[in-house]
Amino acid sequence: MATIRLQNAVSAHPDYQFSAPINIFVADGNNVAIVGRNGSGKSMLADIMTSKILCQKDSIVELSVGGQELGREEVKCMSFRDIYKMADNKPTYYQQRWNATENEDSPIVADIIGPEKCQKHIDLAKRLEIDGILQKRLIFLSSGELRKMQIFRSLLSHPKVLVIDNPYIGLDAGSRDVVNELLRNLSVNEHIQIILILSNPADVPSFVSKIIPVSNMTVLPLMEASDFAIDTDLHQQMFDNKFVDHFPTVQKKSERPYENAVIMNKVNVRYFTKQILKDVDWEVKRGEKWALLGQNGCGKSTLLSLVCGDNPQAYSNDITLFDCKRGTGESIWEIKSHIGYLSPDVHTYYQHDMPCIDVVATGFFDTIGLHRKPNDEQRQIARDWMKVFGAEHLAERSFVKISYGEQRLVLLCRVFVKSPSLLILDEPLHGLDVGKKRLAKAVIEHYCASPDVTLIYVTHYRHEIPSVVTKEKVLLRN
């Protein structure tokens, strides 16, 4: 395992500097977690540590094994943002995933990785439980499947150091256990140094022995993991959020009354030879609050794409939305006008270099990218919701230049601006630190307390399910 040494380390770029020079020494044999809230500087510290961000000449930054400094090829860094960089032909628009005639050019997973490598390392694929997806097209993978594929691909080059940014994003409980056990074995048996970047102290696994806390662009002293786990005062200092006691009020446009938000009767979705959904029945009445649950790859996102009007296979199924049967003349925009929607797919495709307040304002128009200019009232509503979520300081910053967790917070603000009567939240707390998760959950619960608001909520963490949820729909893999 590697020795980590940073002495008087200061970034050469003024935009990537901490409040003080960084001094860290982690002896060989210790796995590390860098822990902090969204925007605290965790990922920046990892980039400095691995020389992705260069430091000033008098800085010392070393990752070494046996006194020999590691080369770039021996250090692998993984971020959820990099998922689609593994394919040259990134999908060009959000709904492309659901259009079978337009995704035939999407690469097969095994072709991206290399068929020979997949065959040679099939035992590793089985340990990660991804051997069944190697012949699937990349565009059809769930966020959890994509995450495990990333880990698999990174391990094929036999790195000496593996840096993973929020490794548990999108993984169901079983997959989290699989990844933890795999990383532990790699550390113990193959002596790979594991460096995790985490936003929740509870996510620190047992094989991590050292913690580097980061708070407000300050690197705090190195700690033993056992000491950090019980230091509740430090957790409070690092992750506390102020809760708002008021919410924006918006004059809702008149909408036709409806009794049922969703009715599905024997719904089937198939892509080529793969059956994604089979004979699904579901009825969601106005004002009901549902949790939609199931393992990675069971079809949750596909099901929601039918509700949100993104999937053309809705027209070949018996589906009623807002008391109107699909295919009877309603447009996709009429459907979306009732819905506030957030999912990992929306986040993946929302990589536009534009001010965050404009990203929030696109919620009025249900677009990815700003194609209409918001008026002054809409911009003020957008700013008000950013204040609710503690994101007002991001208003004028570029969306692509903030952290993944901060982006997710901005996209949450986008959901609420038009006061939708149906909220569809697919893993909405992905990437948020523990304090922001508490805040976001409280906002969702407050908003959904209205008897006229319907909620469909997807998560792999039962403790994240809002208290207003009273019904569950569980999907099984086909």
Protein backbone atom coordinates (compact mmCIF):
# COMPACT_ATOMS: atom_id res chain seq x y z
CA MET A 1 0.00 0.00 0.00
CA ALA A 2 1.04 3.58 -0.59
CA THR A 3 2.40 6.28 1.67
CA ILE A 4 0.70 9.66 1.25
CA ARG A 5 2.70 12.81 1.98
CA LEU A 6 1.64 16.41 1.43
CA GLN A 7 3.88 19.10 2.91
CA ASN A 8 3.07 22.79 2.61
CA ALA A 9 1.03 21.89 -0.47
CA VAL A 10 -0.58 24.87 -2.21
CA SER A 11 -2.28 24.65 -5.59
CA ALA A 12 -0.60 26.52 -8.41
CA HIS A 13 -4.03 27.67 -9.58
CA PRO A 14 -5.71 30.36 -7.42
CA ASP A 15 -9.18 28.86 -7.98
CA TYR A 16 -8.12 25.60 -6.33
CA GLN A 17 -6.51 26.82 -3.13
CA PHE A 18 -7.47 25.94 0.44
CA SER A 19 -7.50 28.35 3.38
CA ALA A 20 -4.02 27.17 4.42
CA PRO A 21 -1.20 25.01 3.05
CA ILE A 22 -2.00 21.29 3.28
CA ASN A 23 0.07 19.03 5.54
CA ILE A 24 -0.89 15.35 5.59
CA PHE A 25 1.06 12.18 6.24
CA VAL A 26 -0.59 8.76 5.96
CA ALA A 27 1.71 5.82 6.59
CA ASP A 28 1.78 2.71 4.42
CA GLY A 29 -0.97 0.24 5.33
CA ASN A 30 -3.83 2.68 5.94
CA ASN A 31 -6.89 3.16 3.78
CA VAL A 32 -8.28 6.68 3.85
CA ALA A 33 -11.64 8.45 3.63
CA ILE A 34 -11.84 12.16 2.81
CA VAL A 35 -15.09 13.31 4.44
CA GLY A 36 -16.91 16.63 4.15
CA ARG A 37 -20.03 18.43 3.03
CA ASN A 38 -20.90 19.39 -0.55
CA GLY A 39 -18.54 22.06 -1.84
CA SER A 40 -16.13 21.74 1.10
CA GLY A 41 -13.16 20.83 -1.10
CA LYS A 42 -13.07 17.02 -0.77
CA SER A 43 -12.67 16.24 -4.47
CA MET A 44 -10.22 19.12 -4.86
CA LEU A 45 -8.04 17.64 -2.11
CA ALA A 46 -8.09 14.25 -3.85
CA ASP A 47 -7.09 15.93 -7.13
CA ILE A 48 -4.17 17.66 -5.41
CA MET A 49 -3.18 14.40 -3.70
CA THR A 50 -3.11 12.55 -7.03
CA SER A 51 -1.45 15.46 -8.95
CA LYS A 52 -4.47 16.11 -11.15
CA ILE A 53 -4.18 19.63 -9.74
CA LEU A 54 -0.55 20.77 -9.75
CA CYS A 55 0.97 22.59 -6.80
CA GLN A 56 3.49 25.37 -6.39
CA LYS A 57 7.19 24.54 -6.71
CA ASP A 58 7.96 24.51 -2.97
CA SER A 59 5.07 22.10 -2.28
CA ILE A 60 5.70 18.41 -1.66
CA VAL A 61 3.06 15.97 -2.95
CA GLU A 62 3.98 12.29 -2.93
CA LEU A 63 2.20 8.97 -3.38
CA SER A 64 4.85 6.29 -3.01
CA VAL A 65 5.31 2.57 -2.40
CA GLY A 66 8.57 1.41 -0.83
CA GLY A 67 10.04 4.86 -1.37
CA GLN A 68 9.28 4.72 -5.10
CA GLU A 69 6.92 7.45 -6.29
CA LEU A 70 3.92 6.12 -8.20
CA GLY A 71 3.29 6.97 -11.83
CA ARG A 72 -0.01 8.29 -13.13
CA GLU A 73 -0.96 4.91 -14.58
CA GLU A 74 -0.68 3.35 -11.11
CA VAL A 75 -3.29 5.70 -9.62
CA LYS A 76 -6.90 5.28 -10.75
CA CYS A 77 -9.50 7.95 -9.95
CA MET A 78 -13.24 7.31 -10.31
CA SER A 79 -16.02 9.86 -10.28
CA PHE A 80 -19.72 9.39 -11.01
CA ARG A 81 -19.44 12.31 -13.42
CA ASP A 82 -17.13 10.28 -15.65
CA ILE A 83 -19.56 7.48 -16.43
CA TYR A 84 -20.25 8.36 -20.06
CA LYS A 85 -16.64 9.32 -20.82
CA MET A 86 -15.98 5.59 -21.15
CA ALA A 87 -17.82 5.62 -24.50
CA ASP A 88 -16.92 7.76 -27.50
CA ASN A 89 -20.50 8.10 -28.72
CA LYS A 90 -22.20 9.64 -25.72
CA PRO A 91 -25.99 9.79 -26.25
CA THR A 92 -26.89 13.15 -27.73
CA TYR A 93 -30.13 13.83 -25.92
CA TYR A 94 -31.93 12.73 -22.77
CA GLN A 95 -34.82 10.71 -24.27
CA GLN A 96 -32.50 8.77 -26.61
CA ARG A 97 -32.28 5.96 -24.05
CA TRP A 98 -35.95 5.15 -24.53
CA ASN A 99 -36.03 5.26 -28.34
CA ALA A 100 -35.10 1.79 -29.59
CA THR A 101 -34.61 2.90 -33.20
CA GLU A 102 -32.07 5.54 -32.12
CA ASN A 103 -29.91 3.64 -29.66
CA GLU A 104 -28.75 0.73 -31.80
CA ASP A 105 -25.38 2.46 -32.15
CA SER A 106 -24.86 2.57 -28.40
CA PRO A 107 -21.88 0.35 -27.59
CA ILE A 108 -22.07 -3.03 -25.88
CA VAL A 109 -20.48 -3.01 -22.42
CA ALA A 110 -18.04 -5.80 -23.30
CA ASP A 111 -16.92 -3.91 -26.42
CA ILE A 112 -16.11 -0.80 -24.39
CA ILE A 113 -14.04 -2.74 -21.89
CA GLY A 114 -12.63 -5.23 -24.39
CA PRO A 115 -14.05 -8.73 -24.95
CA GLU A 116 -10.74 -10.41 -24.09
CA LYS A 117 -10.42 -8.47 -20.85
CA CYS A 118 -14.00 -9.34 -19.89
CA GLN A 119 -13.35 -13.03 -20.49
CA LYS A 120 -10.02 -12.97 -18.65
CA HIS A 121 -11.54 -11.24 -15.63
CA ILE A 122 -14.96 -12.90 -15.63
CA ASP A 123 -14.46 -14.02 -12.02
CA LEU A 124 -14.08 -10.36 -10.97
CA ALA A 125 -17.22 -9.48 -12.96
CA LYS A 126 -19.09 -12.22 -11.12
CA ARG A 127 -17.85 -10.94 -7.75
CA LEU A 128 -19.26 -7.53 -8.67
CA GLU A 129 -22.43 -9.22 -9.99
CA ILE A 130 -22.11 -7.55 -13.40
CA ASP A 131 -21.38 -10.61 -15.57
CA GLY A 132 -25.02 -10.45 -16.69
CA ILE A 133 -24.69 -6.91 -18.10
CA LEU A 134 -21.56 -7.39 -20.22
CA GLN A 135 -23.66 -7.96 -23.36
CA LYS A 136 -26.06 -5.07 -22.66
CA ARG A 137 -25.83 -1.73 -24.41
CA LEU A 138 -24.32 1.00 -22.27
CA ILE A 139 -27.33 3.24 -22.73
CA PHE A 140 -29.63 0.68 -21.06
CA LEU A 141 -27.65 0.33 -17.81
CA SER A 142 -29.13 1.66 -14.59
CA SER A 143 -27.08 4.14 -12.56
CA GLY A 144 -26.12 1.36 -10.13
CA GLU A 145 -25.02 -0.95 -12.95
CA LEU A 146 -22.97 1.87 -14.47
CA ARG A 147 -21.29 2.45 -11.13
CA LYS A 148 -20.26 -1.19 -10.73
CA MET A 149 -19.06 -1.27 -14.34
CA GLN A 150 -16.85 1.74 -13.59
CA ILE A 151 -15.28 -0.04 -10.63
CA PHE A 152 -14.71 -3.18 -12.71
CA ARG A 153 -13.03 -1.25 -15.51
CA SER A 154 -10.78 0.68 -13.12
CA LEU A 155 -9.51 -2.51 -11.52
CA LEU A 156 -8.41 -4.11 -14.80
CA SER A 157 -5.26 -1.97 -14.96
CA HIS A 158 -4.12 -3.27 -11.53
CA PRO A 159 -3.69 0.14 -9.84
CA LYS A 160 -1.63 0.62 -6.71
CA VAL A 161 -4.01 3.38 -5.53
CA LEU A 162 -7.76 3.53 -6.19
CA VAL A 163 -9.58 6.81 -5.51
CA ILE A 164 -13.39 6.61 -5.62
CA ASP A 165 -15.71 9.61 -5.28
CA ASN A 166 -18.91 8.54 -3.43
CA PRO A 167 -18.72 4.84 -4.40
CA TYR A 168 -22.17 3.97 -3.06
CA ILE A 169 -24.22 6.33 -5.24
CA GLY A 170 -26.99 4.44 -7.02
CA LEU A 171 -26.25 1.05 -5.43
CA ASP A 172 -28.91 -1.07 -3.75
CA ALA A 173 -28.15 -2.57 -0.32
CA GLY A 174 -26.85 -5.86 -1.73
CA SER A 175 -24.59 -4.10 -4.21
CA ARG A 176 -23.18 -1.85 -1.48
CA ASP A 177 -22.20 -4.95 0.50
CA VAL A 178 -20.65 -6.51 -2.62
CA VAL A 179 -18.56 -3.40 -3.36
CA ASN A 180 -17.44 -3.06 0.27
CA GLU A 181 -16.32 -6.67 0.44
CA LEU A 182 -14.52 -6.40 -2.89
CA LEU A 183 -12.65 -3.24 -1.85
CA ARG A 184 -11.72 -4.82 1.48
CA ASN A 185 -10.32 -7.90 -0.29
CA LEU A 186 -8.37 -5.76 -2.76
CA SER A 187 -6.84 -3.88 0.14
CA VAL A 188 -5.97 -6.94 2.21
CA ASN A 189 -5.00 -9.44 -0.47
CA GLU A 190 -3.66 -7.25 -3.30
CA HIS A 191 -2.40 -4.34 -1.17
CA ILE A 192 -4.26 -1.70 -3.16
CA GLN A 193 -4.53 1.62 -1.34
CA ILE A 194 -8.18 2.71 -1.15
CA ILE A 195 -9.01 6.43 -0.89
CA LEU A 196 -12.73 7.18 -0.63
CA ILE A 197 -14.38 10.60 -0.97
CA LEU A 198 -17.54 10.63 1.17
CA SER A 199 -20.30 13.06 2.11
CA ASN A 200 -21.72 11.04 5.01
CA PRO A 201 -19.76 9.87 8.09
CA ALA A 202 -22.02 6.80 8.25
CA ASP A 203 -20.70 5.64 4.85
CA VAL A 204 -17.15 5.09 6.16
CA PRO A 205 -16.53 1.32 5.76
CA SER A 206 -14.73 -0.85 8.31
CA PHE A 207 -11.59 -1.29 6.17
CA VAL A 208 -10.84 2.48 6.35
CA SER A 209 -8.51 3.37 9.23
CA LYS A 210 -7.76 7.08 8.67
CA ILE A 211 -10.09 10.05 8.10
CA ILE A 212 -9.20 13.40 6.55
CA PRO A 213 -12.04 15.80 7.50
CA VAL A 214 -12.55 18.77 5.17
CA SER A 215 -14.68 21.75 6.13
CA ASN A 216 -15.19 25.02 4.24
CA MET A 217 -11.99 24.74 2.19
CA THR A 218 -9.95 23.83 5.27
CA VAL A 219 -8.21 20.47 5.64
CA LEU A 220 -8.58 19.45 9.29
CA PRO A 221 -6.05 17.23 11.11
CA LEU A 222 -5.86 13.54 10.20
CA MET A 223 -7.96 11.36 12.53
CA GLU A 224 -8.33 7.70 13.42
CA ALA A 225 -11.55 6.37 11.92
CA SER A 226 -12.68 5.11 15.33
CA ASP A 227 -12.26 8.59 16.85
CA PHE A 228 -14.03 10.30 13.95
CA ALA A 229 -17.00 7.92 14.19
CA ILE A 230 -17.86 9.06 17.72
CA ASP A 231 -17.00 12.76 17.41
CA THR A 232 -20.58 14.00 17.07
CA ASP A 233 -19.56 17.59 17.81
CA LEU A 234 -17.29 17.57 14.76
CA HIS A 235 -20.06 16.01 12.65
CA GLN A 236 -22.42 18.78 13.77
CA GLN A 237 -19.83 21.43 12.95
CA MET A 238 -19.16 19.96 9.51
CA PHE A 239 -22.69 19.10 8.38
CA ASP A 240 -25.12 21.39 10.19
CA ASN A 241 -27.66 23.16 7.98
CA LYS A 242 -30.05 25.96 8.86
CA PHE A 243 -33.66 24.94 8.30
CA VAL A 244 -35.99 27.44 6.72
CA ASP A 245 -39.44 28.00 8.17
CA HIS A 246 -41.04 29.51 5.07
CA PHE A 247 -41.48 28.36 1.50
CA PRO A 248 -42.19 30.26 -1.71
CA THR A 249 -45.86 30.57 -2.57
CA VAL A 250 -46.74 30.42 -6.24
CA GLN A 251 -50.07 31.20 -7.83
CA LYS A 252 -50.83 27.88 -9.45
CA LYS A 253 -52.23 27.91 -12.92
CA SER A 254 -55.65 26.38 -13.30
CA GLU A 255 -55.46 22.69 -14.12
CA ARG A 256 -58.10 20.20 -14.99
CA PRO A 257 -59.23 18.16 -11.99
CA TYR A 258 -58.22 14.51 -11.98
CA GLU A 259 -58.74 11.54 -9.70
CA ASN A 260 -55.91 9.27 -10.83
CA ALA A 261 -52.37 10.42 -11.52
CA VAL A 262 -51.31 7.04 -12.96
CA ILE A 263 -53.13 3.88 -14.04
CA MET A 264 -51.10 1.07 -15.62
CA ASN A 265 -52.72 -2.11 -16.85
CA LYS A 266 -50.49 -5.09 -17.78
CA VAL A 267 -47.68 -2.83 -18.96
CA ASN A 268 -44.83 -4.44 -20.91
CA VAL A 269 -41.57 -2.89 -22.11
CA ARG A 270 -39.04 -4.77 -24.20
CA TYR A 271 -35.87 -3.68 -25.98
CA PHE A 272 -34.77 -6.17 -28.59
CA THR A 273 -34.67 -9.53 -26.73
CA LYS A 274 -34.59 -8.02 -23.23
CA GLN A 275 -37.85 -7.82 -21.26
CA ILE A 276 -37.56 -4.84 -18.90
CA LEU A 277 -41.13 -4.66 -17.53
CA LYS A 278 -43.64 -7.49 -17.65
CA ASP A 279 -47.38 -7.21 -16.91
CA VAL A 280 -47.02 -4.31 -14.49
CA ASP A 281 -50.24 -3.09 -12.86
CA TRP A 282 -50.20 0.11 -10.83
CA GLU A 283 -52.72 2.72 -9.74
CA VAL A 284 -51.66 6.00 -8.15
CA LYS A 285 -54.51 8.20 -6.99
CA ARG A 286 -54.27 11.96 -6.58
CA GLY A 287 -52.66 12.84 -3.26
CA GLU A 288 -51.13 9.42 -2.60
CA LYS A 289 -47.51 9.14 -1.58
CA TRP A 290 -45.61 6.12 -2.93
CA ALA A 291 -42.14 4.63 -2.58
CA LEU A 292 -41.01 2.79 -5.73
CA LEU A 293 -38.45 0.18 -4.70
CA GLY A 294 -36.35 -2.57 -6.28
CA GLN A 295 -32.83 -3.74 -7.03
CA ASN A 296 -30.52 -2.14 -9.59
CA GLY A 297 -31.69 -3.05 -13.09
CA CYS A 298 -35.26 -4.01 -12.18
CA GLY A 299 -36.82 -1.32 -14.41
CA LYS A 300 -37.67 1.55 -12.03
CA SER A 301 -36.31 4.24 -14.34
CA THR A 302 -38.05 2.66 -17.33
CA LEU A 303 -41.34 2.68 -15.46
CA LEU A 304 -40.94 6.35 -14.58
CA SER A 305 -40.06 7.22 -18.19
CA LEU A 306 -43.53 6.00 -19.15
CA VAL A 307 -45.14 8.30 -16.58
CA CYS A 308 -43.08 11.34 -17.55
CA GLY A 309 -43.88 11.06 -21.25
CA ASP A 310 -40.29 10.32 -22.28
CA ASN A 311 -40.75 6.72 -23.44
CA PRO A 312 -42.60 6.12 -26.73
CA GLN A 313 -43.55 2.61 -25.60
CA ALA A 314 -46.21 4.28 -23.47
CA TYR A 315 -48.32 4.45 -26.64
CA SER A 316 -48.29 0.68 -27.09
CA ASN A 317 -49.43 0.08 -23.52
CA ASP A 318 -52.60 0.64 -21.52
CA ILE A 319 -51.54 3.72 -19.53
CA THR A 320 -53.67 6.55 -18.18
CA LEU A 321 -52.08 9.74 -16.84
CA PHE A 322 -54.10 12.40 -15.05
CA ASP A 323 -57.33 10.59 -16.12
CA CYS A 324 -56.29 10.85 -19.79
CA LYS A 325 -55.38 7.69 -21.68
CA ARG A 326 -52.04 7.94 -23.50
CA GLY A 327 -52.43 8.32 -27.23
CA THR A 328 -55.70 10.24 -27.15
CA GLY A 329 -54.20 13.55 -28.19
CA GLU A 330 -52.37 14.97 -25.19
CA SER A 331 -48.85 16.27 -25.83
CA ILE A 332 -45.73 15.42 -23.88
CA TRP A 333 -45.64 19.02 -22.62
CA GLU A 334 -49.19 18.79 -21.27
CA ILE A 335 -48.15 15.74 -19.30
CA LYS A 336 -44.94 17.34 -18.03
CA SER A 337 -46.75 20.52 -16.96
CA HIS A 338 -48.14 18.60 -13.96
CA ILE A 339 -44.85 16.91 -13.02
CA GLY A 340 -41.72 17.87 -11.15
CA TYR A 341 -39.10 15.26 -12.03
CA LEU A 342 -35.53 14.48 -10.99
CA SER A 343 -33.51 11.36 -11.76
CA PRO A 344 -29.88 10.26 -12.22
CA ASP A 345 -30.50 10.36 -15.99
CA VAL A 346 -31.62 13.99 -15.87
CA HIS A 347 -28.46 14.84 -13.93
CA THR A 348 -26.21 12.92 -16.35
CA TYR A 349 -27.51 14.83 -19.37
CA TYR A 350 -27.71 18.21 -17.63
CA GLN A 351 -24.14 19.38 -18.21
CA HIS A 352 -24.71 22.89 -19.52
CA ASP A 353 -22.28 25.75 -18.87
CA MET A 354 -24.87 28.22 -17.59
CA PRO A 355 -25.62 30.03 -14.31
CA CYS A 356 -27.29 27.81 -11.74
CA ILE A 357 -30.25 30.16 -11.40
CA ASP A 358 -30.99 29.61 -15.10
CA VAL A 359 -30.80 25.84 -14.56
CA VAL A 360 -33.41 26.18 -11.81
CA ALA A 361 -35.59 28.36 -14.05
CA THR A 362 -35.69 25.66 -16.76
CA GLY A 363 -38.08 23.84 -14.44
CA PHE A 364 -40.80 26.21 -15.65
CA PHE A 365 -40.32 24.94 -19.20
CA ASP A 366 -39.46 21.25 -18.59
CA THR A 367 -36.34 21.51 -20.73
CA ILE A 368 -32.73 20.43 -20.31
CA GLY A 369 -31.01 23.67 -21.22
CA LEU A 370 -32.54 27.13 -21.29
CA HIS A 371 -34.39 27.64 -24.58
CA ARG A 372 -36.73 30.36 -23.32
CA LYS A 373 -35.78 33.36 -21.24
CA PRO A 374 -37.46 33.39 -17.81
CA ASN A 375 -39.26 36.56 -16.81
CA ASP A 376 -38.43 38.52 -13.67
CA GLU A 377 -41.10 36.76 -11.59
CA GLN A 378 -39.82 33.34 -12.60
CA ARG A 379 -36.23 34.27 -11.80
CA GLN A 380 -37.32 35.49 -8.36
CA ILE A 381 -39.20 32.24 -7.70
CA ALA A 382 -36.10 30.32 -8.77
CA ARG A 383 -33.97 32.38 -6.40
CA ASP A 384 -36.47 31.84 -3.57
CA TRP A 385 -36.31 28.06 -3.96
CA MET A 386 -32.51 28.19 -4.02
CA LYS A 387 -32.71 29.97 -0.69
CA VAL A 388 -34.99 27.24 0.70
CA PHE A 389 -32.40 24.60 -0.19
CA GLY A 390 -29.45 26.66 1.04
CA ALA A 391 -28.13 27.04 -2.51
CA GLU A 392 -28.58 30.78 -3.07
CA HIS A 393 -24.79 31.28 -3.06
CA LEU A 394 -24.63 29.16 -6.23
CA ALA A 395 -27.08 31.31 -8.22
CA GLU A 396 -24.57 32.99 -10.53
CA ARG A 397 -21.98 30.21 -10.63
CA SER A 398 -21.65 27.96 -13.67
CA PHE A 399 -23.47 24.65 -13.22
CA VAL A 400 -20.57 22.63 -14.67
CA LYS A 401 -18.05 24.19 -12.29
CA ILE A 402 -19.70 23.21 -9.01
CA SER A 403 -19.48 19.85 -7.25
CA TYR A 404 -21.71 16.87 -8.06
CA GLY A 405 -23.61 17.27 -4.78
CA GLU A 406 -24.13 20.98 -5.37
CA GLN A 407 -25.44 20.19 -8.86
CA ARG A 408 -27.95 17.75 -7.38
CA LEU A 409 -29.12 20.46 -4.97
CA VAL A 410 -29.65 22.90 -7.86
CA LEU A 411 -31.65 20.27 -9.78
CA LEU A 412 -33.81 19.71 -6.70
CA CYS A 413 -34.65 23.43 -6.70
CA ARG A 414 -35.60 23.06 -10.37
CA VAL A 415 -38.23 20.44 -9.46
CA PHE A 416 -40.31 22.78 -7.30
CA VAL A 417 -40.42 26.10 -9.17
CA LYS A 418 -43.73 25.49 -10.98
CA SER A 419 -45.48 23.97 -7.92
CA PRO A 420 -46.16 20.59 -9.59
CA SER A 421 -49.02 18.42 -8.40
CA LEU A 422 -46.99 15.22 -9.02
CA LEU A 423 -43.44 14.88 -7.75
CA ILE A 424 -41.37 12.05 -9.23
CA LEU A 425 -38.08 11.88 -7.38
CA ASP A 426 -35.71 9.11 -8.47
CA GLU A 427 -32.81 8.95 -5.99
CA PRO A 428 -33.12 12.71 -5.34
CA LEU A 429 -30.56 12.74 -2.52
CA HIS A 430 -27.74 11.24 -4.61
CA GLY A 431 -24.45 12.91 -3.74
CA LEU A 432 -25.86 15.21 -1.05
CA ASP A 433 -23.98 15.42 2.23
CA VAL A 434 -25.76 14.21 5.35
CA GLY A 435 -26.85 17.72 6.40
CA LYS A 436 -28.23 18.60 2.96
CA LYS A 437 -30.07 15.26 2.91
CA ARG A 438 -31.86 16.16 6.14
CA LEU A 439 -32.75 19.57 4.74
CA ALA A 440 -33.98 18.23 1.38
CA LYS A 441 -36.05 15.53 3.05
CA ALA A 442 -37.69 18.13 5.31
CA VAL A 443 -38.56 20.32 2.29
CA ILE A 444 -40.05 17.35 0.43
CA GLU A 445 -42.13 16.36 3.46
CA HIS A 446 -43.39 19.92 3.94
CA TYR A 447 -44.35 20.27 0.28
CA CYS A 448 -46.03 16.86 0.13
CA ALA A 449 -48.08 17.46 3.26
CA SER A 450 -50.72 18.94 0.94
CA PRO A 451 -53.50 16.40 0.20
CA ASP A 452 -53.44 17.48 -3.47
CA VAL A 453 -49.76 16.66 -4.03
CA THR A 454 -48.88 13.17 -5.28
CA LEU A 455 -45.43 11.69 -4.67
CA ILE A 456 -43.49 8.84 -6.28
CA TYR A 457 -40.16 8.42 -4.51
CA VAL A 458 -37.30 6.08 -5.47
CA THR A 459 -34.43 5.22 -3.15
CA HIS A 460 -32.19 2.33 -2.11
CA TYR A 461 -32.04 3.70 1.46
CA ARG A 462 -35.20 3.12 3.50
CA HIS A 463 -34.25 5.78 6.05
CA GLU A 464 -34.39 8.37 3.24
CA ILE A 465 -38.06 7.67 2.46
CA PRO A 466 -40.10 10.76 3.48
CA SER A 467 -42.42 10.28 6.45
CA VAL A 468 -45.44 11.20 4.29
CA VAL A 469 -45.04 8.02 2.21
CA THR A 470 -47.72 5.44 3.03
CA LYS A 471 -47.61 3.05 0.03
CA GLU A 472 -44.96 0.92 -1.66
CA LYS A 473 -44.52 -0.55 -5.14
CA VAL A 474 -41.72 -3.11 -5.44
CA LEU A 475 -40.35 -4.12 -8.84
CA LEU A 476 -38.53 -7.41 -9.39
CA ARG A 477 -35.93 -8.14 -12.05
CA ASN A 478 -37.13 -10.08 -15.06
